[in-house]
Each structure stands twice: as C-alpha cells, then as structure tokens.
Amino acid sequence: MITNRLLSAAGIALLISALAVIYSKYYSRLIFLEIQKQERALDQYEVEWGQMQLEQMMLVEQNRVELVAREKLKLVMPLRKKIIYIKP
C-alpha cells in the first residue's frame, strides 16, 4: 500500500515535471519570436536613422552653399518678377 502511494506520488511528480518542461519550451519559443520581432524593428529603425542622417547632412550642405554664396560671392536671390521659368 505504501509502495502504491509512493509510486502514485512519483507518477504525479513526473507528470507535473513533464508539463513544466512543455510549458517552459513553449514560453521560450514565444520569447524567441518576440526577440526576432524586436530585432526586425531595430533593423528598420537603424535604416531610418541612416536615411535621416543623410538627409540632415544634405540639408546642412545646402545651407552651407547658400551661406558661402551670400557672404563670399555676394550673391542675392533675384526678385520673383525677374525669375524666368522654362518649361521642358
């Protein structure tokens, strides 16, 4: 009788242990999928950051060209009525 109870307790412990292993595997897969999702988002943000840096450099460079043209070359923007538009 004691051996039956001991055997039953061992079986229940084994079943609980097996269920815990299954749950931990499932949970680790969910976490892994979330990590992959976040890494893809990070990659996208890095691409976007690079594009923004390039855009900022371009805007800064255009501003610098305008400043040099105004200060060193003494160029000014022509009046609107003196601008001639050519259609392609």
Protein backbone atom coordinates (compact mmCIF):
# COMPACT_ATOMS: atom_id res chain seq x y z
CA MET A 1 0.00 0.00 0.00
CA ILE A 2 2.82 2.41 0.86
CA THR A 3 4.60 1.47 -2.37
CA ASN A 4 1.43 2.17 -4.37
CA ARG A 5 1.14 5.63 -2.80
CA LEU A 6 4.84 6.25 -3.36
CA LEU A 7 4.53 5.10 -6.96
CA SER A 8 1.45 7.27 -7.47
CA ALA A 9 3.22 10.30 -5.98
CA ALA A 10 6.24 9.66 -8.21
CA GLY A 11 3.96 9.39 -11.27
CA ILE A 12 2.19 12.63 -10.39
CA ALA A 13 5.54 14.37 -9.82
CA LEU A 14 6.75 13.04 -13.17
CA LEU A 15 3.60 14.27 -14.92
CA ILE A 16 3.90 17.73 -13.33
CA SER A 17 7.57 17.85 -14.28
CA ALA A 18 6.77 16.91 -17.89
CA LEU A 19 4.08 19.59 -18.09
CA ALA A 20 6.52 22.15 -16.67
CA VAL A 21 9.08 21.24 -19.36
CA ILE A 22 6.46 21.58 -22.10
CA TYR A 23 5.34 24.95 -20.75
CA SER A 24 8.92 26.25 -20.45
CA LYS A 25 9.70 25.20 -24.05
CA TYR A 26 6.52 26.91 -25.28
CA TYR A 27 7.30 30.07 -23.31
CA SER A 28 10.90 30.16 -24.54
CA ARG A 29 9.65 29.91 -28.14
CA LEU A 30 7.27 32.80 -27.54
CA ILE A 31 10.11 34.87 -26.12
CA PHE A 32 12.35 33.94 -29.06
CA LEU A 33 9.68 35.04 -31.54
CA GLU A 34 9.30 38.35 -29.69
CA ILE A 35 13.08 38.87 -29.77
CA GLN A 36 13.11 38.28 -33.53
CA LYS A 37 10.25 40.74 -33.97
CA GLN A 38 12.07 43.39 -31.94
CA GLU A 39 15.32 42.79 -33.87
CA ARG A 40 13.48 43.35 -37.18
CA ALA A 41 12.03 46.57 -35.78
CA LEU A 42 15.51 47.63 -34.61
CA ASP A 43 16.93 46.97 -38.08
CA GLN A 44 14.17 49.10 -39.61
CA TYR A 45 14.87 51.91 -37.13
CA GLU A 46 18.58 51.76 -37.95
CA VAL A 47 17.83 52.09 -41.68
CA GLU A 48 15.51 55.00 -40.96
CA TRP A 49 18.16 56.63 -38.74
CA GLY A 50 20.74 56.34 -41.52
CA GLN A 51 18.35 57.91 -44.01
CA MET A 52 17.66 60.78 -41.62
CA GLN A 53 21.37 61.37 -41.07
CA LEU A 54 21.93 61.52 -44.83
CA GLU A 55 19.02 63.91 -45.20
CA GLN A 56 20.37 66.11 -42.42
CA MET A 57 23.83 66.18 -44.00
CA MET A 58 22.29 67.15 -47.33
CA LEU A 59 20.28 69.96 -45.75
CA VAL A 60 23.29 71.25 -43.84
CA GLU A 61 25.38 71.17 -47.03
CA GLN A 62 22.74 73.14 -48.97
CA ASN A 63 22.61 75.71 -46.20
CA ARG A 64 26.41 76.00 -46.25
CA VAL A 65 26.44 76.53 -50.01
CA GLU A 66 23.84 79.26 -49.65
CA LEU A 67 25.84 80.97 -46.89
CA VAL A 68 29.05 80.91 -48.94
CA ALA A 69 27.19 82.27 -51.96
CA ARG A 70 25.72 85.13 -49.94
CA GLU A 71 28.79 86.03 -47.87
CA LYS A 72 31.82 85.35 -50.06
CA LEU A 73 30.35 85.76 -53.53
CA LYS A 74 27.84 88.46 -52.53
CA LEU A 75 25.06 86.69 -54.42
CA VAL A 76 21.45 87.54 -53.67
CA MET A 77 18.17 85.90 -54.57
CA PRO A 78 16.62 87.66 -57.58
CA LEU A 79 13.22 89.27 -57.28
CA ARG A 80 10.31 87.00 -58.05
CA LYS A 81 9.30 89.03 -61.11
CA LYS A 82 12.80 88.70 -62.59
CA ILE A 83 12.85 84.88 -62.43
CA ILE A 84 12.19 83.25 -65.82
CA TYR A 85 10.69 79.77 -65.79
CA ILE A 86 11.45 77.48 -68.72
CA LYS A 87 9.06 74.64 -69.46
CA PRO A 88 10.69 71.39 -70.60
